[in-house]
């Protein structure tokens, strides 16, 4: 089979697949952490998430995606235009073909609930632990804590 004929077949299959996908004009967000459920299949306009492959925004009809969250701010733009920001320590984000999105965080808090002074104190504590860590395991744990605390301070300011 020639390359051109193969390319035509693949293009035709891709077009059929795109037509068969059930993309929705609405995006339903489920956003939860161990400490709280923030959204439960709520219709929202946009979600911005921090991931290890780079921060990205999600709108309805987004390509299906799976990403690992890094410490940072998840921003949700509700349908009425109201924007809410949440700090997440880690977790995952899944974007499905039906425009539903699940953000599952290890820990999440509304930015308004974060005290910047306490966040700076935590950062100083973890930096001290990192500099005094005796073995590789303790260093790795302290380094992760410092990364989360740095993102927490940035989010709180």
N, C-alpha and C. Protein backbone atom coordinates (compact mmCIF):
# COMPACT_ATOMS: atom_id res chain seq x y z
N UNK A 1 0.86 -1.18 0.00
CA UNK A 1 0.00 0.00 0.00
C UNK A 1 0.90 1.24 0.00
N UNK A 2 0.58 2.18 -0.83
CA UNK A 2 1.43 3.35 -0.95
C UNK A 2 1.25 4.28 0.25
N UNK A 3 2.26 5.12 0.46
CA UNK A 3 2.24 6.07 1.57
C UNK A 3 1.05 7.02 1.45
N UNK A 4 0.77 7.50 0.26
CA UNK A 4 -0.34 8.44 0.05
C UNK A 4 -1.67 7.78 0.37
N UNK A 5 -1.85 6.53 -0.06
CA UNK A 5 -3.09 5.82 0.22
C UNK A 5 -3.25 5.59 1.73
N UNK A 6 -2.15 5.23 2.39
CA UNK A 6 -2.17 5.08 3.85
C UNK A 6 -2.56 6.38 4.54
N UNK A 7 -1.98 7.47 4.10
CA UNK A 7 -2.27 8.78 4.69
C UNK A 7 -3.74 9.13 4.51
N UNK A 8 -4.30 8.84 3.35
CA UNK A 8 -5.73 9.12 3.10
C UNK A 8 -6.62 8.29 4.03
N UNK A 9 -6.28 7.01 4.21
CA UNK A 9 -7.04 6.14 5.10
C UNK A 9 -6.99 6.66 6.55
N UNK A 10 -5.81 7.03 6.99
CA UNK A 10 -5.66 7.55 8.35
C UNK A 10 -6.43 8.85 8.54
N UNK A 11 -6.38 9.72 7.55
CA UNK A 11 -7.11 10.99 7.63
C UNK A 11 -8.62 10.74 7.69
N UNK A 12 -9.11 9.79 6.89
CA UNK A 12 -10.54 9.48 6.90
C UNK A 12 -10.96 8.90 8.25
N UNK A 13 -10.14 8.00 8.80
CA UNK A 13 -10.45 7.43 10.12
C UNK A 13 -10.46 8.51 11.19
N UNK A 14 -9.49 9.40 11.12
CA UNK A 14 -9.43 10.49 12.10
C UNK A 14 -10.64 11.40 12.02
N UNK A 15 -11.10 11.68 10.81
CA UNK A 15 -12.29 12.53 10.65
C UNK A 15 -13.52 11.84 11.22
N UNK A 16 -13.67 10.53 10.97
CA UNK A 16 -14.81 9.79 11.53
C UNK A 16 -14.76 9.77 13.05
N UNK A 17 -13.58 9.57 13.60
CA UNK A 17 -13.42 9.54 15.06
C UNK A 17 -13.79 10.89 15.66
N UNK A 18 -13.35 11.96 15.05
CA UNK A 18 -13.67 13.30 15.56
C UNK A 18 -15.17 13.57 15.50
N UNK A 19 -15.84 13.08 14.47
CA UNK A 19 -17.29 13.28 14.36
C UNK A 19 -18.04 12.47 15.41
N UNK A 20 -17.50 11.32 15.79
CA UNK A 20 -18.17 10.44 16.74
C UNK A 20 -17.94 10.83 18.19
N UNK A 21 -16.96 11.66 18.49
CA UNK A 21 -16.69 12.04 19.86
C UNK A 21 -17.85 12.87 20.40
N UNK A 22 -18.11 12.70 21.68
CA UNK A 22 -19.26 13.35 22.30
C UNK A 22 -18.84 14.59 23.08
N UNK A 23 -18.13 15.50 22.44
CA UNK A 23 -17.72 16.74 23.10
C UNK A 23 -18.95 17.55 23.46
N UNK A 24 -18.92 18.14 24.64
CA UNK A 24 -20.04 18.94 25.13
C UNK A 24 -19.68 20.41 25.10
N UNK A 25 -20.71 21.25 24.96
CA UNK A 25 -20.49 22.69 25.00
C UNK A 25 -20.37 23.19 26.44
N UNK A 26 -20.68 22.33 27.40
CA UNK A 26 -20.55 22.67 28.81
C UNK A 26 -19.43 21.84 29.41
N UNK A 27 -18.76 22.42 30.39
CA UNK A 27 -17.70 21.70 31.09
C UNK A 27 -18.12 21.50 32.54
N UNK A 28 -18.13 20.25 32.98
CA UNK A 28 -18.50 19.93 34.35
C UNK A 28 -17.25 19.61 35.15
N UNK A 29 -17.07 20.32 36.25
CA UNK A 29 -15.88 20.18 37.09
C UNK A 29 -16.21 19.46 38.39
N UNK A 30 -15.42 18.46 38.68
CA UNK A 30 -15.40 17.85 40.00
C UNK A 30 -14.00 18.11 40.55
N UNK A 31 -13.94 18.81 41.67
CA UNK A 31 -12.67 19.21 42.27
C UNK A 31 -12.74 18.86 43.74
N UNK A 32 -11.89 17.93 44.16
CA UNK A 32 -11.93 17.46 45.53
C UNK A 32 -10.53 17.18 46.06
N UNK A 33 -10.44 17.24 47.37
CA UNK A 33 -9.22 16.87 48.09
C UNK A 33 -9.65 16.04 49.29
N UNK A 34 -8.70 15.51 50.00
CA UNK A 34 -9.02 14.71 51.17
C UNK A 34 -9.77 15.54 52.22
N UNK A 35 -9.49 16.84 52.25
CA UNK A 35 -10.09 17.70 53.27
C UNK A 35 -11.43 18.32 52.86
N UNK A 36 -11.77 18.32 51.56
CA UNK A 36 -13.00 19.00 51.14
C UNK A 36 -13.31 18.73 49.67
N UNK A 37 -14.60 18.78 49.33
CA UNK A 37 -15.04 18.77 47.93
C UNK A 37 -15.44 20.20 47.58
N UNK A 38 -14.76 20.78 46.59
CA UNK A 38 -15.01 22.17 46.21
C UNK A 38 -16.08 22.28 45.13
N UNK A 39 -16.06 21.37 44.17
CA UNK A 39 -17.05 21.34 43.09
C UNK A 39 -17.44 19.89 42.85
N UNK A 40 -18.73 19.67 42.61
CA UNK A 40 -19.22 18.32 42.33
C UNK A 40 -20.05 18.37 41.05
N UNK A 41 -19.40 18.10 39.93
CA UNK A 41 -20.03 18.14 38.61
C UNK A 41 -20.68 19.50 38.33
N UNK A 42 -20.03 20.57 38.78
CA UNK A 42 -20.53 21.93 38.56
C UNK A 42 -20.11 22.42 37.18
N UNK A 43 -21.01 23.10 36.50
CA UNK A 43 -20.71 23.66 35.18
C UNK A 43 -19.90 24.94 35.38
N UNK A 44 -18.71 24.99 34.79
CA UNK A 44 -17.82 26.15 34.89
C UNK A 44 -17.35 26.54 33.50
N UNK A 45 -16.79 27.75 33.41
CA UNK A 45 -16.34 28.28 32.13
C UNK A 45 -14.91 27.85 31.80
N UNK A 46 -13.99 27.95 32.80
CA UNK A 46 -12.58 27.68 32.54
C UNK A 46 -11.90 27.22 33.82
N UNK A 47 -10.85 26.40 33.65
CA UNK A 47 -10.03 25.94 34.75
C UNK A 47 -8.57 26.09 34.32
N UNK A 48 -7.75 26.69 35.17
CA UNK A 48 -6.32 26.79 34.93
C UNK A 48 -5.61 25.96 35.99
N UNK A 49 -4.72 25.07 35.56
CA UNK A 49 -4.06 24.17 36.49
C UNK A 49 -2.54 24.20 36.32
N UNK A 50 -1.81 24.02 37.44
CA UNK A 50 -0.35 23.89 37.37
C UNK A 50 0.02 22.42 37.25
N UNK A 51 0.78 22.06 36.24
CA UNK A 51 1.19 20.66 36.10
C UNK A 51 2.70 20.60 35.88
N UNK A 52 3.26 19.43 36.08
CA UNK A 52 4.69 19.27 35.90
C UNK A 52 5.09 19.41 34.44
N UNK A 53 4.15 19.27 33.52
CA UNK A 53 4.46 19.47 32.10
C UNK A 53 4.16 20.91 31.67
N UNK A 54 3.79 21.77 32.63
CA UNK A 54 3.50 23.17 32.35
C UNK A 54 2.07 23.51 32.74
N UNK A 55 1.85 24.75 33.11
CA UNK A 55 0.50 25.18 33.46
C UNK A 55 -0.34 25.29 32.20
N UNK A 56 -1.63 24.97 32.31
CA UNK A 56 -2.49 25.07 31.13
C UNK A 56 -3.92 25.36 31.53
N UNK A 57 -4.65 25.95 30.58
CA UNK A 57 -6.06 26.26 30.78
C UNK A 57 -6.94 25.22 30.10
N UNK A 58 -8.11 25.01 30.69
CA UNK A 58 -9.04 24.02 30.16
C UNK A 58 -10.38 24.70 29.90
N UNK A 59 -10.88 24.53 28.69
CA UNK A 59 -12.20 25.01 28.29
C UNK A 59 -13.03 23.81 27.84
N UNK A 60 -14.32 24.01 27.65
CA UNK A 60 -15.16 22.94 27.10
C UNK A 60 -14.56 22.50 25.76
N UNK A 61 -14.70 21.23 25.45
CA UNK A 61 -14.19 20.62 24.22
C UNK A 61 -12.67 20.50 24.19
N UNK A 62 -12.03 20.59 25.37
CA UNK A 62 -10.58 20.41 25.45
C UNK A 62 -10.24 18.97 25.07
N UNK A 63 -9.11 18.79 24.47
CA UNK A 63 -8.66 17.45 24.13
C UNK A 63 -8.52 16.63 25.42
N UNK A 64 -8.90 15.35 25.40
CA UNK A 64 -8.74 14.52 26.60
C UNK A 64 -7.29 14.53 27.07
N UNK A 65 -7.12 14.68 28.36
CA UNK A 65 -5.79 14.86 28.93
C UNK A 65 -5.72 14.26 30.32
N UNK A 66 -4.54 13.80 30.69
CA UNK A 66 -4.26 13.37 32.05
C UNK A 66 -2.94 14.00 32.43
N UNK A 67 -2.90 14.71 33.57
CA UNK A 67 -1.67 15.38 33.99
C UNK A 67 -1.52 15.29 35.50
N UNK A 68 -0.28 15.38 35.94
CA UNK A 68 0.05 15.40 37.36
C UNK A 68 0.16 16.85 37.80
N UNK A 69 -0.55 17.20 38.87
CA UNK A 69 -0.50 18.56 39.39
C UNK A 69 0.79 18.77 40.18
N UNK A 70 1.35 19.95 40.03
CA UNK A 70 2.47 20.33 40.88
C UNK A 70 1.95 21.35 41.89
N UNK A 71 2.69 21.61 42.94
CA UNK A 71 2.23 22.60 43.92
C UNK A 71 2.00 23.96 43.24
N UNK A 72 0.84 24.53 43.48
CA UNK A 72 0.53 25.82 42.86
C UNK A 72 -0.95 26.15 42.98
N UNK A 73 -1.40 27.03 42.10
CA UNK A 73 -2.76 27.57 42.17
C UNK A 73 -3.62 27.02 41.04
N UNK A 74 -4.76 26.47 41.42
CA UNK A 74 -5.80 26.09 40.46
C UNK A 74 -6.79 27.26 40.45
N UNK A 75 -7.06 27.78 39.27
CA UNK A 75 -7.99 28.90 39.13
C UNK A 75 -9.23 28.41 38.39
N UNK A 76 -10.40 28.70 38.96
CA UNK A 76 -11.66 28.29 38.36
C UNK A 76 -12.47 29.54 38.02
N UNK A 77 -12.86 29.66 36.75
CA UNK A 77 -13.74 30.75 36.32
C UNK A 77 -15.13 30.15 36.17
N UNK A 78 -16.02 30.58 37.06
CA UNK A 78 -17.37 30.06 37.04
C UNK A 78 -18.16 30.69 35.90
N UNK A 79 -19.33 30.15 35.58
CA UNK A 79 -20.12 30.65 34.45
C UNK A 79 -20.55 32.10 34.60
N UNK A 80 -20.70 32.58 35.84
CA UNK A 80 -21.09 33.97 36.05
C UNK A 80 -19.89 34.93 35.98
N UNK A 81 -18.70 34.39 35.70
CA UNK A 81 -17.50 35.21 35.58
C UNK A 81 -16.69 35.30 36.87
N UNK A 82 -17.23 34.82 37.96
CA UNK A 82 -16.52 34.85 39.24
C UNK A 82 -15.32 33.91 39.18
N UNK A 83 -14.16 34.40 39.65
CA UNK A 83 -12.94 33.62 39.64
C UNK A 83 -12.55 33.24 41.07
N UNK A 84 -12.32 31.95 41.28
CA UNK A 84 -11.88 31.46 42.58
C UNK A 84 -10.53 30.79 42.41
N UNK A 85 -9.66 30.97 43.40
CA UNK A 85 -8.33 30.38 43.35
C UNK A 85 -8.11 29.47 44.55
N UNK A 86 -7.45 28.33 44.27
CA UNK A 86 -7.20 27.33 45.29
C UNK A 86 -5.74 26.89 45.21
N UNK A 87 -5.13 26.72 46.37
CA UNK A 87 -3.78 26.17 46.41
C UNK A 87 -3.89 24.65 46.46
N UNK A 88 -3.11 23.96 45.62
CA UNK A 88 -3.05 22.49 45.66
C UNK A 88 -1.60 22.08 45.90
N UNK A 89 -1.43 21.05 46.72
CA UNK A 89 -0.08 20.58 47.01
C UNK A 89 0.42 19.60 45.95
N UNK A 90 -0.49 18.78 45.44
CA UNK A 90 -0.19 17.80 44.40
C UNK A 90 -1.50 17.13 44.02
N UNK A 91 -1.44 16.25 43.05
CA UNK A 91 -2.65 15.54 42.65
C UNK A 91 -2.65 15.26 41.16
N UNK A 92 -3.86 15.12 40.61
CA UNK A 92 -3.99 14.84 39.18
C UNK A 92 -5.18 15.60 38.60
N UNK A 93 -5.11 15.82 37.30
CA UNK A 93 -6.23 16.41 36.57
C UNK A 93 -6.52 15.51 35.37
N UNK A 94 -7.81 15.23 35.18
CA UNK A 94 -8.26 14.40 34.06
C UNK A 94 -9.30 15.17 33.28
N UNK A 95 -9.08 15.31 31.98
CA UNK A 95 -10.06 15.93 31.08
C UNK A 95 -10.60 14.81 30.20
N UNK A 96 -11.91 14.62 30.21
CA UNK A 96 -12.54 13.54 29.47
C UNK A 96 -13.17 14.04 28.16
N UNK A 97 -13.49 13.11 27.27
CA UNK A 97 -14.08 13.45 25.97
C UNK A 97 -15.40 14.20 26.10
N UNK A 98 -16.15 13.94 27.16
CA UNK A 98 -17.45 14.60 27.34
C UNK A 98 -17.35 15.96 28.00
N UNK A 99 -16.14 16.52 28.05
CA UNK A 99 -15.85 17.82 28.66
C UNK A 99 -16.02 17.84 30.18
N UNK A 100 -16.04 16.67 30.80
CA UNK A 100 -16.01 16.64 32.25
C UNK A 100 -14.54 16.67 32.69
N UNK A 101 -14.30 17.30 33.82
CA UNK A 101 -12.94 17.45 34.33
C UNK A 101 -12.93 17.04 35.80
N UNK A 102 -11.93 16.24 36.18
CA UNK A 102 -11.75 15.89 37.57
C UNK A 102 -10.38 16.40 38.02
N UNK A 103 -10.40 17.20 39.07
CA UNK A 103 -9.17 17.65 39.72
C UNK A 103 -9.18 17.00 41.09
N UNK A 104 -8.23 16.09 41.31
CA UNK A 104 -8.13 15.39 42.58
C UNK A 104 -6.81 15.78 43.22
N UNK A 105 -6.90 16.50 44.33
CA UNK A 105 -5.71 17.03 44.98
C UNK A 105 -5.42 16.28 46.27
N UNK A 106 -4.15 16.14 46.56
CA UNK A 106 -3.74 15.56 47.84
C UNK A 106 -4.24 16.45 48.97
N UNK A 107 -4.05 17.76 48.77
CA UNK A 107 -4.52 18.76 49.73
C UNK A 107 -4.83 20.03 48.94
N UNK A 108 -5.93 20.71 49.29
CA UNK A 108 -6.32 21.94 48.60
C UNK A 108 -6.99 22.88 49.58
N UNK A 109 -6.72 24.18 49.38
CA UNK A 109 -7.31 25.21 50.24
C UNK A 109 -7.61 26.45 49.41
N UNK A 110 -8.69 27.13 49.74
CA UNK A 110 -8.99 28.40 49.10
C UNK A 110 -7.87 29.37 49.44
N UNK A 111 -7.41 30.12 48.44
CA UNK A 111 -6.31 31.07 48.63
C UNK A 111 -6.63 32.07 49.74
N UNK A 112 -7.88 32.46 49.86
CA UNK A 112 -8.29 33.44 50.86
C UNK A 112 -8.06 32.93 52.29
N UNK A 113 -7.98 31.62 52.46
CA UNK A 113 -7.81 31.03 53.79
C UNK A 113 -6.34 30.87 54.19
N UNK A 114 -5.42 31.24 53.31
CA UNK A 114 -3.99 31.04 53.58
C UNK A 114 -3.39 32.30 54.19
N UNK A 115 -2.71 32.14 55.30
CA UNK A 115 -2.02 33.23 55.98
C UNK A 115 -0.59 33.29 55.45
N UNK A 116 -0.23 34.41 54.83
CA UNK A 116 1.09 34.55 54.21
C UNK A 116 2.22 34.43 55.24
N UNK A 117 2.02 34.97 56.43
CA UNK A 117 3.06 34.87 57.47
C UNK A 117 3.28 33.43 57.90
N UNK A 118 2.21 32.69 58.08
CA UNK A 118 2.35 31.28 58.45
C UNK A 118 3.04 30.49 57.33
N UNK A 119 2.71 30.83 56.09
CA UNK A 119 3.34 30.15 54.96
C UNK A 119 4.85 30.43 54.94
N UNK A 120 5.24 31.66 55.21
CA UNK A 120 6.67 32.00 55.26
C UNK A 120 7.37 31.27 56.41
N UNK A 121 6.69 31.14 57.54
CA UNK A 121 7.26 30.41 58.68
C UNK A 121 7.46 28.93 58.33
N UNK A 122 6.48 28.35 57.66
CA UNK A 122 6.62 26.96 57.21
C UNK A 122 7.80 26.79 56.27
N UNK A 123 7.95 27.73 55.34
CA UNK A 123 9.06 27.67 54.40
C UNK A 123 10.39 27.71 55.14
N UNK A 124 10.52 28.62 56.10
CA UNK A 124 11.76 28.72 56.88
C UNK A 124 12.04 27.42 57.64
N UNK A 125 11.01 26.84 58.20
CA UNK A 125 11.15 25.58 58.94
C UNK A 125 11.65 24.47 58.03
N UNK A 126 11.04 24.34 56.84
CA UNK A 126 11.44 23.27 55.93
C UNK A 126 12.82 23.51 55.32
N UNK A 127 13.17 24.77 55.10
CA UNK A 127 14.51 25.08 54.60
C UNK A 127 15.56 24.68 55.64
N UNK A 128 15.24 24.93 56.91
CA UNK A 128 16.13 24.53 57.99
C UNK A 128 16.27 23.01 58.04
N UNK A 129 15.15 22.30 57.89
CA UNK A 129 15.19 20.83 57.89
C UNK A 129 16.02 20.31 56.72
N UNK A 130 15.89 20.99 55.57
CA UNK A 130 16.66 20.57 54.40
C UNK A 130 18.15 20.72 54.64
N UNK A 131 18.55 21.85 55.21
CA UNK A 131 19.98 22.09 55.42
C UNK A 131 20.57 21.18 56.51
N UNK A 132 19.75 20.69 57.41
CA UNK A 132 20.27 19.83 58.49
C UNK A 132 19.96 18.35 58.27
N UNK A 133 19.36 18.00 57.12
CA UNK A 133 19.01 16.60 56.86
C UNK A 133 20.26 15.74 56.82
N UNK A 134 20.18 14.60 57.51
CA UNK A 134 21.35 13.74 57.64
C UNK A 134 21.51 12.71 56.55
N UNK A 135 20.41 12.18 56.03
CA UNK A 135 20.53 11.15 54.99
C UNK A 135 19.73 11.56 53.75
N UNK A 136 19.87 10.76 52.71
CA UNK A 136 19.23 11.09 51.43
C UNK A 136 17.70 11.11 51.52
N UNK A 137 17.14 10.19 52.29
CA UNK A 137 15.69 10.15 52.44
C UNK A 137 15.18 11.43 53.11
N UNK A 138 15.82 11.84 54.17
CA UNK A 138 15.42 13.07 54.87
C UNK A 138 15.59 14.29 53.98
N UNK A 139 16.66 14.31 53.18
CA UNK A 139 16.88 15.42 52.25
C UNK A 139 15.77 15.48 51.20
N UNK A 140 15.41 14.31 50.68
CA UNK A 140 14.35 14.26 49.65
C UNK A 140 13.01 14.73 50.23
N UNK A 141 12.68 14.26 51.42
CA UNK A 141 11.43 14.68 52.06
C UNK A 141 11.42 16.17 52.33
N UNK A 142 12.53 16.70 52.82
CA UNK A 142 12.62 18.14 53.10
C UNK A 142 12.56 18.95 51.82
N UNK A 143 13.18 18.45 50.75
CA UNK A 143 13.16 19.17 49.47
C UNK A 143 11.74 19.27 48.93
N UNK A 144 10.98 18.20 49.07
CA UNK A 144 9.57 18.23 48.63
C UNK A 144 8.79 19.22 49.47
N UNK A 145 9.00 19.22 50.78
CA UNK A 145 8.32 20.15 51.67
C UNK A 145 8.68 21.60 51.33
N UNK A 146 9.93 21.84 50.99
CA UNK A 146 10.35 23.20 50.61
C UNK A 146 9.65 23.62 49.32
N UNK A 147 9.57 22.72 48.35
CA UNK A 147 8.91 23.03 47.08
C UNK A 147 7.44 23.41 47.30
N UNK A 148 6.75 22.64 48.13
CA UNK A 148 5.34 22.93 48.42
C UNK A 148 5.22 24.25 49.18
N UNK A 149 6.09 24.47 50.16
CA UNK A 149 6.03 25.71 50.95
C UNK A 149 6.34 26.94 50.09
N UNK A 150 7.28 26.82 49.15
CA UNK A 150 7.58 27.94 48.25
C UNK A 150 6.36 28.29 47.41
N UNK A 151 5.67 27.27 46.90
CA UNK A 151 4.47 27.51 46.10
C UNK A 151 3.36 28.09 46.98
N UNK A 152 3.28 27.66 48.22
CA UNK A 152 2.28 28.18 49.15
C UNK A 152 2.53 29.66 49.43
N UNK A 153 3.78 30.04 49.66
CA UNK A 153 4.12 31.44 49.90
C UNK A 153 3.77 32.27 48.66
N UNK A 154 4.13 31.79 47.51
CA UNK A 154 3.83 32.51 46.26
C UNK A 154 2.34 32.70 46.08
N UNK A 155 1.56 31.66 46.39
CA UNK A 155 0.11 31.73 46.25
C UNK A 155 -0.51 32.71 47.25
N UNK A 156 0.07 32.79 48.44
CA UNK A 156 -0.49 33.62 49.50
C UNK A 156 -0.21 35.10 49.29
N UNK A 157 0.82 35.41 48.53
CA UNK A 157 1.20 36.83 48.35
C UNK A 157 0.42 37.51 47.27
